[in-house]
Amino acid sequence: MRTAIELTNDQRSSLRSLAAQRGLRGYAKLIQEAVDLYIQEMMAKEGNARLLLKKRGTWNKEDSRNFQKKLREIRKSWKIP
């Protein structure tokens, strides 16, 4: 399906460059891949949030410490624009 999206000049330029590196004539395939990844990530986050809510009040101290440790590790990779 075709649709229109708004891109900055920098985004368009980067997409054209990436497409050329992969031997693609356009960047539609890259956009499709990006949308797929975004959807997967959002679905995973929603699933994780539901799991966490189901576990509310069921963690012992060790579970809580393990979760906090993993959360700290994840936050190290966060990028703030």
Protein backbone atom coordinates (compact mmCIF):
# COMPACT_ATOMS: atom_id res chain seq x y z
CA MET A 1 0.00 0.00 0.00
CA ARG A 2 1.27 3.45 -0.79
CA THR A 3 1.16 6.31 1.69
CA ALA A 4 2.76 9.71 2.17
CA ILE A 5 5.05 10.53 5.07
CA GLU A 6 6.89 13.66 6.09
CA LEU A 7 10.68 13.41 6.28
CA THR A 8 13.30 15.99 7.04
CA ASN A 9 15.96 16.61 4.42
CA ASP A 10 18.50 14.85 6.64
CA GLN A 11 16.25 11.80 7.04
CA ARG A 12 15.67 11.58 3.29
CA SER A 13 19.37 11.96 2.58
CA SER A 14 20.29 9.27 5.11
CA LEU A 15 17.68 6.89 3.71
CA ARG A 16 18.91 7.41 0.15
CA SER A 17 22.47 6.74 1.27
CA LEU A 18 21.51 3.57 3.16
CA ALA A 19 19.46 2.35 0.21
CA ALA A 20 22.38 2.93 -2.16
CA GLN A 21 24.70 1.00 0.16
CA ARG A 22 22.30 -1.94 -0.01
CA GLY A 23 21.89 -1.66 -3.77
CA LEU A 24 18.27 -0.53 -3.57
CA ARG A 25 16.81 1.91 -6.09
CA GLY A 26 14.58 3.59 -3.51
CA TYR A 27 14.11 3.62 0.22
CA ALA A 28 10.59 2.17 0.55
CA LYS A 29 12.02 -1.19 1.73
CA LEU A 30 13.98 0.62 4.47
CA ILE A 31 10.82 2.41 5.61
CA GLN A 32 8.94 -0.91 5.73
CA GLU A 33 11.72 -2.48 7.81
CA ALA A 34 11.74 0.48 10.18
CA VAL A 35 7.96 0.31 10.66
CA ASP A 36 8.15 -3.45 11.28
CA LEU A 37 10.85 -2.95 13.92
CA TYR A 38 8.89 -0.16 15.57
CA ILE A 39 5.72 -2.27 15.73
CA GLN A 40 7.63 -5.23 17.18
CA GLU A 41 9.24 -3.02 19.80
CA MET A 42 5.95 -1.42 20.83
CA MET A 43 4.19 -4.79 21.01
CA ALA A 44 7.02 -6.15 23.18
CA LYS A 45 6.87 -3.13 25.48
CA GLU A 46 3.10 -3.48 25.87
CA GLY A 47 3.50 -7.19 26.58
CA ASN A 48 6.18 -6.48 29.16
CA ALA A 49 4.03 -3.85 30.84
CA ARG A 50 1.11 -6.30 31.08
CA LEU A 51 3.38 -8.95 32.55
CA LEU A 52 4.72 -6.50 35.12
CA LEU A 53 1.21 -5.48 36.16
CA LYS A 54 0.24 -9.14 36.60
CA LYS A 55 3.29 -9.65 38.82
CA ARG A 56 2.51 -6.65 41.03
CA GLY A 57 2.99 -7.60 44.65
CA THR A 58 4.37 -11.07 43.85
CA TRP A 59 8.09 -10.38 43.78
CA ASN A 60 10.31 -11.29 46.66
CA LYS A 61 13.39 -9.23 47.54
CA GLU A 62 15.65 -11.22 45.21
CA ASP A 63 13.25 -10.80 42.27
CA SER A 64 13.08 -7.10 42.98
CA ARG A 65 16.87 -6.74 43.11
CA ASN A 66 17.28 -8.69 39.86
CA PHE A 67 14.72 -6.50 38.13
CA GLN A 68 16.36 -3.31 39.38
CA LYS A 69 19.74 -4.56 38.14
CA LYS A 70 18.36 -5.35 34.67
CA LEU A 71 16.58 -2.01 34.56
CA ARG A 72 19.83 -0.17 35.36
CA GLU A 73 21.56 -2.08 32.55
CA ILE A 74 18.81 -1.17 30.08
CA ARG A 75 18.88 2.48 31.09
CA LYS A 76 22.61 2.66 30.32
CA SER A 77 21.76 2.19 26.65
CA TRP A 78 19.10 4.92 26.56
CA LYS A 79 19.91 7.89 24.40
CA ILE A 80 18.57 11.31 25.21
CA PRO A 81 18.17 13.53 22.14
